[in-house]
Amino acid sequence: MNGASLAEIAEVLGHKTLSMVKRYAHLSDGHVSNVVASMNAKIFG
């Protein structure tokens, strides 16, 4: 909820793969949307 990626969450929790942390993906939807919006703004202005 504070913007960490699934890879970062996996590293903190000590998981080798992302499969175990996908259950938290819905909590970071806002972060993902911001990333996509930022990318679009930079590419298309």
All heavy atoms as atom14 arrays in JSON, in Angstrom:
{
  "sequence": "MNGASLAEIAEVLGHKTLSMVKRYAHLSDGHVSNVVASMNAKIFG",
  "atom14_mask": [
    [1, 1, 1, 1, 1, 1, 1, 1, 0, 0, 0, 0, 0, 0],
    [1, 1, 1, 1, 1, 1, 1, 1, 0, 0, 0, 0, 0, 0],
    [1, 1, 1, 1, 0, 0, 0, 0, 0, 0, 0, 0, 0, 0],
    [1, 1, 1, 1, 1, 0, 0, 0, 0, 0, 0, 0, 0, 0],
    [1, 1, 1, 1, 1, 1, 0, 0, 0, 0, 0, 0, 0, 0],
    [1, 1, 1, 1, 1, 1, 1, 1, 0, 0, 0, 0, 0, 0],
    [1, 1, 1, 1, 1, 0, 0, 0, 0, 0, 0, 0, 0, 0],
    [1, 1, 1, 1, 1, 1, 1, 1, 1, 0, 0, 0, 0, 0],
    [1, 1, 1, 1, 1, 1, 1, 1, 0, 0, 0, 0, 0, 0],
    [1, 1, 1, 1, 1, 0, 0, 0, 0, 0, 0, 0, 0, 0],
    [1, 1, 1, 1, 1, 1, 1, 1, 1, 0, 0, 0, 0, 0],
    [1, 1, 1, 1, 1, 1, 1, 0, 0, 0, 0, 0, 0, 0],
    [1, 1, 1, 1, 1, 1, 1, 1, 0, 0, 0, 0, 0, 0],
    [1, 1, 1, 1, 0, 0, 0, 0, 0, 0, 0, 0, 0, 0],
    [1, 1, 1, 1, 1, 1, 1, 1, 1, 1, 0, 0, 0, 0],
    [1, 1, 1, 1, 1, 1, 1, 1, 1, 0, 0, 0, 0, 0],
    [1, 1, 1, 1, 1, 1, 1, 0, 0, 0, 0, 0, 0, 0],
    [1, 1, 1, 1, 1, 1, 1, 1, 0, 0, 0, 0, 0, 0],
    [1, 1, 1, 1, 1, 1, 0, 0, 0, 0, 0, 0, 0, 0],
    [1, 1, 1, 1, 1, 1, 1, 1, 0, 0, 0, 0, 0, 0],
    [1, 1, 1, 1, 1, 1, 1, 0, 0, 0, 0, 0, 0, 0],
    [1, 1, 1, 1, 1, 1, 1, 1, 1, 0, 0, 0, 0, 0],
    [1, 1, 1, 1, 1, 1, 1, 1, 1, 1, 1, 0, 0, 0],
    [1, 1, 1, 1, 1, 1, 1, 1, 1, 1, 1, 1, 0, 0],
    [1, 1, 1, 1, 1, 0, 0, 0, 0, 0, 0, 0, 0, 0],
    [1, 1, 1, 1, 1, 1, 1, 1, 1, 1, 0, 0, 0, 0],
    [1, 1, 1, 1, 1, 1, 1, 1, 0, 0, 0, 0, 0, 0],
    [1, 1, 1, 1, 1, 1, 0, 0, 0, 0, 0, 0, 0, 0],
    [1, 1, 1, 1, 1, 1, 1, 1, 0, 0, 0, 0, 0, 0],
    [1, 1, 1, 1, 0, 0, 0, 0, 0, 0, 0, 0, 0, 0],
    [1, 1, 1, 1, 1, 1, 1, 1, 1, 1, 0, 0, 0, 0],
    [1, 1, 1, 1, 1, 1, 1, 0, 0, 0, 0, 0, 0, 0],
    [1, 1, 1, 1, 1, 1, 0, 0, 0, 0, 0, 0, 0, 0],
    [1, 1, 1, 1, 1, 1, 1, 1, 0, 0, 0, 0, 0, 0],
    [1, 1, 1, 1, 1, 1, 1, 0, 0, 0, 0, 0, 0, 0],
    [1, 1, 1, 1, 1, 1, 1, 0, 0, 0, 0, 0, 0, 0],
    [1, 1, 1, 1, 1, 0, 0, 0, 0, 0, 0, 0, 0, 0],
    [1, 1, 1, 1, 1, 1, 0, 0, 0, 0, 0, 0, 0, 0],
    [1, 1, 1, 1, 1, 1, 1, 1, 0, 0, 0, 0, 0, 0],
    [1, 1, 1, 1, 1, 1, 1, 1, 0, 0, 0, 0, 0, 0],
    [1, 1, 1, 1, 1, 0, 0, 0, 0, 0, 0, 0, 0, 0],
    [1, 1, 1, 1, 1, 1, 1, 1, 1, 0, 0, 0, 0, 0],
    [1, 1, 1, 1, 1, 1, 1, 1, 0, 0, 0, 0, 0, 0],
    [1, 1, 1, 1, 1, 1, 1, 1, 1, 1, 1, 0, 0, 0],
    [1, 1, 1, 1, 0, 0, 0, 0, 0, 0, 0, 0, 0, 0]
  ],
  "atom14_positions": [
    [[0.81, -1.22, 0.0], [0.0, 0.0, 0.0], [0.84, 1.27, 0.0], [0.35, 2.35, -0.29], [-0.93, -0.02, 1.21], [-2.06, -1.05, 1.08], [-3.27, -1.02, 2.43], [-2.32, -1.74, 3.77], [0.0, 0.0, 0.0], [0.0, 0.0, 0.0], [0.0, 0.0, 0.0], [0.0, 0.0, 0.0], [0.0, 0.0, 0.0], [0.0, 0.0, 0.0]],
    [[2.14, 1.1, 0.32], [3.04, 2.25, 0.3], [3.94, 2.27, -0.93], [4.97, 2.94, -0.95], [3.88, 2.28, 1.57], [3.11, 2.83, 2.77], [3.0, 4.04, 2.94], [2.55, 1.93, 3.56], [0.0, 0.0, 0.0], [0.0, 0.0, 0.0], [0.0, 0.0, 0.0], [0.0, 0.0, 0.0], [0.0, 0.0, 0.0], [0.0, 0.0, 0.0]],
    [[3.53, 1.52, -1.96], [4.2, 1.62, -3.25], [5.31, 0.63, -3.52], [5.95, 0.72, -4.57], [0.0, 0.0, 0.0], [0.0, 0.0, 0.0], [0.0, 0.0, 0.0], [0.0, 0.0, 0.0], [0.0, 0.0, 0.0], [0.0, 0.0, 0.0], [0.0, 0.0, 0.0], [0.0, 0.0, 0.0], [0.0, 0.0, 0.0], [0.0, 0.0, 0.0]],
    [[5.55, -0.33, -2.64], [6.61, -1.32, -2.9], [6.18, -2.26, -4.01], [5.0, -2.63, -4.12], [6.91, -2.11, -1.63], [0.0, 0.0, 0.0], [0.0, 0.0, 0.0], [0.0, 0.0, 0.0], [0.0, 0.0, 0.0], [0.0, 0.0, 0.0], [0.0, 0.0, 0.0], [0.0, 0.0, 0.0], [0.0, 0.0, 0.0], [0.0, 0.0, 0.0]],
    [[7.12, -2.65, -4.85], [6.82, -3.6, -5.92], [6.77, -5.01, -5.33], [7.25, -5.25, -4.22], [7.9, -3.54, -7.0], [9.14, -4.02, -6.48], [0.0, 0.0, 0.0], [0.0, 0.0, 0.0], [0.0, 0.0, 0.0], [0.0, 0.0, 0.0], [0.0, 0.0, 0.0], [0.0, 0.0, 0.0], [0.0, 0.0, 0.0], [0.0, 0.0, 0.0]],
    [[6.22, -5.94, -6.1], [6.16, -7.32, -5.63], [7.56, -7.89, -5.44], [7.8, -8.67, -4.52], [5.37, -8.18, -6.63], [3.87, -7.86, -6.77], [3.21, -8.87, -7.7], [3.18, -7.86, -5.41], [0.0, 0.0, 0.0], [0.0, 0.0, 0.0], [0.0, 0.0, 0.0], [0.0, 0.0, 0.0], [0.0, 0.0, 0.0], [0.0, 0.0, 0.0]],
    [[8.49, -7.5, -6.29], [9.87, -7.97, -6.15], [10.49, -7.47, -4.85], [11.21, -8.19, -4.16], [10.7, -7.51, -7.34], [0.0, 0.0, 0.0], [0.0, 0.0, 0.0], [0.0, 0.0, 0.0], [0.0, 0.0, 0.0], [0.0, 0.0, 0.0], [0.0, 0.0, 0.0], [0.0, 0.0, 0.0], [0.0, 0.0, 0.0], [0.0, 0.0, 0.0]],
    [[10.18, -6.23, -4.51], [10.71, -5.66, -3.26], [10.08, -6.33, -2.05], [10.77, -6.6, -1.06], [10.44, -4.15, -3.23], [11.29, -3.37, -4.24], [10.82, -1.93, -4.41], [9.61, -1.65, -4.2], [11.67, -1.09, -4.79], [0.0, 0.0, 0.0], [0.0, 0.0, 0.0], [0.0, 0.0, 0.0], [0.0, 0.0, 0.0], [0.0, 0.0, 0.0]],
    [[8.79, -6.62, -2.11], [8.12, -7.32, -1.01], [8.7, -8.72, -0.84], [8.96, -9.17, 0.28], [6.6, -7.4, -1.27], [5.99, -6.0, -1.29], [5.92, -8.24, -0.19], [4.53, -5.97, -1.71], [0.0, 0.0, 0.0], [0.0, 0.0, 0.0], [0.0, 0.0, 0.0], [0.0, 0.0, 0.0], [0.0, 0.0, 0.0], [0.0, 0.0, 0.0]],
    [[8.93, -9.4, -1.96], [9.51, -10.74, -1.91], [10.89, -10.72, -1.26], [11.25, -11.61, -0.48], [9.59, -11.34, -3.31], [0.0, 0.0, 0.0], [0.0, 0.0, 0.0], [0.0, 0.0, 0.0], [0.0, 0.0, 0.0], [0.0, 0.0, 0.0], [0.0, 0.0, 0.0], [0.0, 0.0, 0.0], [0.0, 0.0, 0.0], [0.0, 0.0, 0.0]],
    [[11.67, -9.69, -1.57], [13.02, -9.59, -1.0], [12.95, -9.34, 0.51], [13.72, -9.93, 1.28], [13.78, -8.45, -1.67], [15.24, -8.34, -1.22], [16.03, -7.31, -2.0], [15.47, -6.74, -2.95], [17.19, -7.08, -1.65], [0.0, 0.0, 0.0], [0.0, 0.0, 0.0], [0.0, 0.0, 0.0], [0.0, 0.0, 0.0], [0.0, 0.0, 0.0]],
    [[12.04, -8.5, 0.95], [11.9, -8.22, 2.38], [11.46, -9.47, 3.13], [12.0, -9.79, 4.2], [10.88, -7.08, 2.62], [10.57, -6.95, 4.11], [11.42, -5.77, 2.07], [0.0, 0.0, 0.0], [0.0, 0.0, 0.0], [0.0, 0.0, 0.0], [0.0, 0.0, 0.0], [0.0, 0.0, 0.0], [0.0, 0.0, 0.0], [0.0, 0.0, 0.0]],
    [[10.5, -10.19, 2.57], [9.96, -11.37, 3.26], [10.85, -12.6, 3.11], [10.68, -13.58, 3.83], [8.56, -11.69, 2.73], [7.47, -10.64, 2.94], [6.12, -11.18, 2.48], [7.39, -10.22, 4.39], [0.0, 0.0, 0.0], [0.0, 0.0, 0.0], [0.0, 0.0, 0.0], [0.0, 0.0, 0.0], [0.0, 0.0, 0.0], [0.0, 0.0, 0.0]],
    [[11.77, -12.56, 2.16], [12.67, -13.69, 1.99], [12.12, -14.78, 1.1], [12.44, -15.95, 1.25], [0.0, 0.0, 0.0], [0.0, 0.0, 0.0], [0.0, 0.0, 0.0], [0.0, 0.0, 0.0], [0.0, 0.0, 0.0], [0.0, 0.0, 0.0], [0.0, 0.0, 0.0], [0.0, 0.0, 0.0], [0.0, 0.0, 0.0], [0.0, 0.0, 0.0]],
    [[11.25, -14.41, 0.12], [10.72, -15.39, -0.83], [11.61, -15.44, -2.07], [12.07, -14.4, -2.55], [9.3, -15.02, -1.25], [8.29, -15.18, -0.16], [8.14, -16.35, 0.55], [7.38, -14.31, 0.36], [7.18, -16.21, 1.44], [6.72, -14.98, 1.36], [0.0, 0.0, 0.0], [0.0, 0.0, 0.0], [0.0, 0.0, 0.0], [0.0, 0.0, 0.0]],
    [[11.83, -16.65, -2.6], [12.67, -16.8, -3.77], [11.96, -16.38, -5.05], [12.58, -15.98, -6.02], [13.12, -18.26, -3.9], [14.16, -18.69, -2.87], [14.61, -20.1, -3.14], [15.7, -20.54, -2.17], [16.16, -21.92, -2.43], [0.0, 0.0, 0.0], [0.0, 0.0, 0.0], [0.0, 0.0, 0.0], [0.0, 0.0, 0.0], [0.0, 0.0, 0.0]],
    [[10.63, -16.55, -5.06], [9.86, -16.23, -6.26], [8.75, -15.24, -5.92], [8.45, -15.01, -4.75], [9.23, -17.49, -6.88], [8.26, -18.03, -5.96], [10.29, -18.56, -7.12], [0.0, 0.0, 0.0], [0.0, 0.0, 0.0], [0.0, 0.0, 0.0], [0.0, 0.0, 0.0], [0.0, 0.0, 0.0], [0.0, 0.0, 0.0], [0.0, 0.0, 0.0]],
    [[8.14, -14.69, -6.97], [7.06, -13.73, -6.77], [5.71, -14.4, -6.51], [4.76, -13.73, -6.11], [6.93, -12.83, -8.0], [8.14, -11.95, -8.35], [7.81, -11.1, -9.56], [8.52, -11.07, -7.17], [0.0, 0.0, 0.0], [0.0, 0.0, 0.0], [0.0, 0.0, 0.0], [0.0, 0.0, 0.0], [0.0, 0.0, 0.0], [0.0, 0.0, 0.0]],
    [[5.63, -15.7, -6.73], [4.34, -16.38, -6.61], [3.73, -16.23, -5.22], [2.51, -16.12, -5.06], [4.48, -17.86, -6.96], [5.41, -18.5, -6.09], [0.0, 0.0, 0.0], [0.0, 0.0, 0.0], [0.0, 0.0, 0.0], [0.0, 0.0, 0.0], [0.0, 0.0, 0.0], [0.0, 0.0, 0.0], [0.0, 0.0, 0.0], [0.0, 0.0, 0.0]],
    [[4.57, -16.22, -4.19], [4.07, -16.15, -2.82], [3.56, -14.76, -2.46], [2.79, -14.61, -1.51], [5.17, -16.56, -1.84], [5.51, -18.04, -1.88], [4.13, -19.07, -1.34], [4.07, -18.65, 0.4], [0.0, 0.0, 0.0], [0.0, 0.0, 0.0], [0.0, 0.0, 0.0], [0.0, 0.0, 0.0], [0.0, 0.0, 0.0], [0.0, 0.0, 0.0]],
    [[3.97, -13.74, -3.18], [3.56, -12.38, -2.82], [2.51, -11.81, -3.78], [2.08, -10.67, -3.61], [4.77, -11.42, -2.76], [5.72, -11.84, -1.66], [5.49, -11.36, -4.09], [0.0, 0.0, 0.0], [0.0, 0.0, 0.0], [0.0, 0.0, 0.0], [0.0, 0.0, 0.0], [0.0, 0.0, 0.0], [0.0, 0.0, 0.0], [0.0, 0.0, 0.0]],
    [[2.09, -12.61, -4.75], [1.06, -12.12, -5.67], [-0.26, -11.86, -4.97], [-1.1, -11.12, -5.48], [0.88, -13.11, -6.82], [2.0, -13.06, -7.85], [1.72, -13.98, -9.03], [2.84, -13.87, -10.06], [2.61, -14.78, -11.21], [0.0, 0.0, 0.0], [0.0, 0.0, 0.0], [0.0, 0.0, 0.0], [0.0, 0.0, 0.0], [0.0, 0.0, 0.0]],
    [[-0.45, -12.48, -3.81], [-1.7, -12.27, -3.06], [-1.85, -10.82, -2.61], [-2.94, -10.39, -2.25], [-1.74, -13.19, -1.84], [-0.73, -12.84, -0.76], [-0.76, -13.8, 0.41], [-0.09, -15.03, 0.09], [0.1, -16.02, 0.98], [-0.38, -15.89, 2.21], [0.73, -17.12, 0.65], [0.0, 0.0, 0.0], [0.0, 0.0, 0.0], [0.0, 0.0, 0.0]],
    [[-0.74, -10.07, -2.6], [-0.79, -8.67, -2.17], [-0.88, -7.7, -3.35], [-0.89, -6.48, -3.15], [0.46, -8.33, -1.34], [0.73, -9.31, -0.23], [1.8, -10.19, -0.3], [-0.08, -9.35, 0.9], [2.04, -11.11, 0.7], [0.16, -10.26, 1.93], [1.22, -11.14, 1.81], [1.46, -12.04, 2.82], [0.0, 0.0, 0.0], [0.0, 0.0, 0.0]],
    [[-0.93, -8.25, -4.56], [-0.88, -7.4, -5.76], [-2.02, -6.39, -5.8], [-1.83, -5.24, -6.21], [-0.9, -8.27, -7.02], [0.0, 0.0, 0.0], [0.0, 0.0, 0.0], [0.0, 0.0, 0.0], [0.0, 0.0, 0.0], [0.0, 0.0, 0.0], [0.0, 0.0, 0.0], [0.0, 0.0, 0.0], [0.0, 0.0, 0.0], [0.0, 0.0, 0.0]],
    [[-3.23, -6.8, -5.35], [-4.37, -5.9, -5.44], [-4.21, -4.67, -4.56], [-4.82, -3.64, -4.79], [-5.65, -6.65, -5.05], [-5.7, -7.06, -3.61], [-4.93, -8.09, -3.1], [-6.42, -6.57, -2.57], [-5.18, -8.24, -1.81], [-6.08, -7.32, -1.46], [0.0, 0.0, 0.0], [0.0, 0.0, 0.0], [0.0, 0.0, 0.0], [0.0, 0.0, 0.0]],
    [[-3.34, -4.8, -3.51], [-3.14, -3.68, -2.59], [-2.24, -2.61, -3.19], [-2.17, -1.49, -2.69], [-2.54, -4.18, -1.28], [-3.41, -5.17, -0.49], [-2.65, -5.72, 0.7], [-4.71, -4.51, -0.04], [0.0, 0.0, 0.0], [0.0, 0.0, 0.0], [0.0, 0.0, 0.0], [0.0, 0.0, 0.0], [0.0, 0.0, 0.0], [0.0, 0.0, 0.0]],
    [[-1.52, -2.98, -4.26], [-0.6, -2.01, -4.87], [-1.11, -1.55, -6.23], [-0.36, -1.02, -7.04], [0.79, -2.64, -5.04], [0.74, -3.79, -5.86], [0.0, 0.0, 0.0], [0.0, 0.0, 0.0], [0.0, 0.0, 0.0], [0.0, 0.0, 0.0], [0.0, 0.0, 0.0], [0.0, 0.0, 0.0], [0.0, 0.0, 0.0], [0.0, 0.0, 0.0]],
    [[-2.41, -1.75, -6.49], [-2.98, -1.34, -7.78], [-2.78, 0.15, -8.04], [-2.5, 0.57, -9.17], [-4.47, -1.68, -7.83], [-4.71, -3.17, -8.02], [-3.74, -3.86, -8.39], [-5.84, -3.63, -7.79], [0.0, 0.0, 0.0], [0.0, 0.0, 0.0], [0.0, 0.0, 0.0], [0.0, 0.0, 0.0], [0.0, 0.0, 0.0], [0.0, 0.0, 0.0]],
    [[-2.92, 0.96, -6.99], [-2.73, 2.4, -7.16], [-1.32, 2.73, -7.58], [-1.1, 3.58, -8.44], [0.0, 0.0, 0.0], [0.0, 0.0, 0.0], [0.0, 0.0, 0.0], [0.0, 0.0, 0.0], [0.0, 0.0, 0.0], [0.0, 0.0, 0.0], [0.0, 0.0, 0.0], [0.0, 0.0, 0.0], [0.0, 0.0, 0.0], [0.0, 0.0, 0.0]],
    [[-0.36, 2.05, -6.99], [1.04, 2.26, -7.33], [1.28, 1.88, -8.8], [1.97, 2.6, -9.53], [1.93, 1.41, -6.41], [3.37, 1.41, -6.8], [4.15, 2.54, -6.81], [4.18, 0.39, -7.19], [5.39, 2.24, -7.17], [5.42, 0.93, -7.42], [0.0, 0.0, 0.0], [0.0, 0.0, 0.0], [0.0, 0.0, 0.0], [0.0, 0.0, 0.0]],
    [[0.72, 0.74, -9.22], [0.9, 0.29, -10.59], [0.29, 1.3, -11.56], [0.86, 1.63, -12.59], [0.26, -1.1, -10.8], [0.29, -1.48, -12.28], [1.0, -2.13, -9.97], [0.0, 0.0, 0.0], [0.0, 0.0, 0.0], [0.0, 0.0, 0.0], [0.0, 0.0, 0.0], [0.0, 0.0, 0.0], [0.0, 0.0, 0.0], [0.0, 0.0, 0.0]],
    [[-0.9, 1.82, -11.2], [-1.55, 2.81, -12.06], [-0.69, 4.06, -12.2], [-0.58, 4.64, -13.28], [-2.92, 3.19, -11.47], [-3.77, 2.05, -11.43], [0.0, 0.0, 0.0], [0.0, 0.0, 0.0], [0.0, 0.0, 0.0], [0.0, 0.0, 0.0], [0.0, 0.0, 0.0], [0.0, 0.0, 0.0], [0.0, 0.0, 0.0], [0.0, 0.0, 0.0]],
    [[-0.05, 4.49, -11.1], [0.81, 5.67, -11.14], [2.02, 5.44, -12.04], [2.46, 6.33, -12.76], [1.28, 6.03, -9.72], [0.13, 6.56, -8.87], [-0.87, 7.06, -9.39], [0.27, 6.43, -7.56], [0.0, 0.0, 0.0], [0.0, 0.0, 0.0], [0.0, 0.0, 0.0], [0.0, 0.0, 0.0], [0.0, 0.0, 0.0], [0.0, 0.0, 0.0]],
    [[2.56, 4.21, -11.97], [3.71, 3.88, -12.8], [3.33, 3.94, -14.28], [4.06, 4.49, -15.11], [4.25, 2.48, -12.45], [5.31, 2.04, -13.46], [4.84, 2.47, -11.06], [0.0, 0.0, 0.0], [0.0, 0.0, 0.0], [0.0, 0.0, 0.0], [0.0, 0.0, 0.0], [0.0, 0.0, 0.0], [0.0, 0.0, 0.0], [0.0, 0.0, 0.0]],
    [[2.17, 3.38, -14.61], [1.7, 3.38, -16.0], [1.43, 4.81, -16.46], [1.79, 5.21, -17.58], [0.45, 2.5, -16.15], [-0.13, 2.64, -17.57], [0.77, 1.05, -15.87], [0.0, 0.0, 0.0], [0.0, 0.0, 0.0], [0.0, 0.0, 0.0], [0.0, 0.0, 0.0], [0.0, 0.0, 0.0], [0.0, 0.0, 0.0], [0.0, 0.0, 0.0]],
    [[0.79, 5.61, -15.61], [0.48, 7.0, -15.95], [1.77, 7.79, -16.19], [1.86, 8.6, -17.13], [-0.35, 7.64, -14.84], [0.0, 0.0, 0.0], [0.0, 0.0, 0.0], [0.0, 0.0, 0.0], [0.0, 0.0, 0.0], [0.0, 0.0, 0.0], [0.0, 0.0, 0.0], [0.0, 0.0, 0.0], [0.0, 0.0, 0.0], [0.0, 0.0, 0.0]],
    [[2.77, 7.55, -15.33], [4.04, 8.25, -15.48], [4.73, 7.89, -16.77], [5.27, 8.76, -17.48], [4.94, 7.91, -14.28], [6.21, 8.5, -14.43], [0.0, 0.0, 0.0], [0.0, 0.0, 0.0], [0.0, 0.0, 0.0], [0.0, 0.0, 0.0], [0.0, 0.0, 0.0], [0.0, 0.0, 0.0], [0.0, 0.0, 0.0], [0.0, 0.0, 0.0]],
    [[4.69, 6.59, -17.11], [5.3, 6.15, -18.36], [4.62, 6.79, -19.56], [5.28, 7.26, -20.5], [5.23, 4.61, -18.44], [5.8, 4.0, -19.7], [4.56, 3.84, -21.05], [3.52, 2.56, -20.36], [0.0, 0.0, 0.0], [0.0, 0.0, 0.0], [0.0, 0.0, 0.0], [0.0, 0.0, 0.0], [0.0, 0.0, 0.0], [0.0, 0.0, 0.0]],
    [[3.29, 6.81, -19.54], [2.55, 7.4, -20.66], [2.84, 8.89, -20.81], [2.97, 9.41, -21.92], [1.05, 7.16, -20.48], [0.61, 5.79, -20.99], [0.28, 5.64, -22.15], [0.64, 4.81, -20.1], [0.0, 0.0, 0.0], [0.0, 0.0, 0.0], [0.0, 0.0, 0.0], [0.0, 0.0, 0.0], [0.0, 0.0, 0.0], [0.0, 0.0, 0.0]],
    [[2.93, 9.58, -19.66], [3.19, 11.03, -19.68], [4.56, 11.32, -20.3], [4.73, 12.26, -21.09], [3.11, 11.6, -18.29], [0.0, 0.0, 0.0], [0.0, 0.0, 0.0], [0.0, 0.0, 0.0], [0.0, 0.0, 0.0], [0.0, 0.0, 0.0], [0.0, 0.0, 0.0], [0.0, 0.0, 0.0], [0.0, 0.0, 0.0], [0.0, 0.0, 0.0]],
    [[5.55, 10.47, -19.98], [6.9, 10.69, -20.5], [6.98, 10.38, -21.99], [7.72, 11.0, -22.74], [7.89, 9.84, -19.71], [8.12, 10.32, -18.28], [9.12, 9.43, -17.55], [9.34, 9.92, -16.14], [10.3, 9.07, -15.39], [0.0, 0.0, 0.0], [0.0, 0.0, 0.0], [0.0, 0.0, 0.0], [0.0, 0.0, 0.0], [0.0, 0.0, 0.0]],
    [[6.25, 9.37, -22.42], [6.33, 8.96, -23.83], [5.5, 9.85, -24.74], [5.95, 10.32, -25.8], [5.85, 7.49, -23.99], [6.83, 6.55, -23.3], [5.72, 7.11, -25.47], [6.43, 5.09, -23.35], [0.0, 0.0, 0.0], [0.0, 0.0, 0.0], [0.0, 0.0, 0.0], [0.0, 0.0, 0.0], [0.0, 0.0, 0.0], [0.0, 0.0, 0.0]],
    [[4.27, 10.11, -24.3], [3.35, 10.83, -25.18], [3.19, 12.3, -24.82], [2.67, 13.1, -25.61], [1.98, 10.15, -25.16], [2.04, 8.71, -25.56], [1.78, 7.73, -24.63], [2.35, 8.34, -26.86], [1.83, 6.37, -24.99], [2.4, 7.01, -27.22], [2.14, 6.01, -26.3], [0.0, 0.0, 0.0], [0.0, 0.0, 0.0], [0.0, 0.0, 0.0]],
    [[3.62, 12.67, -23.62], [3.54, 14.07, -23.2], [2.12, 14.58, -23.28], [1.18, 13.96, -22.81], [0.0, 0.0, 0.0], [0.0, 0.0, 0.0], [0.0, 0.0, 0.0], [0.0, 0.0, 0.0], [0.0, 0.0, 0.0], [0.0, 0.0, 0.0], [0.0, 0.0, 0.0], [0.0, 0.0, 0.0], [0.0, 0.0, 0.0], [0.0, 0.0, 0.0]]
  ]
}
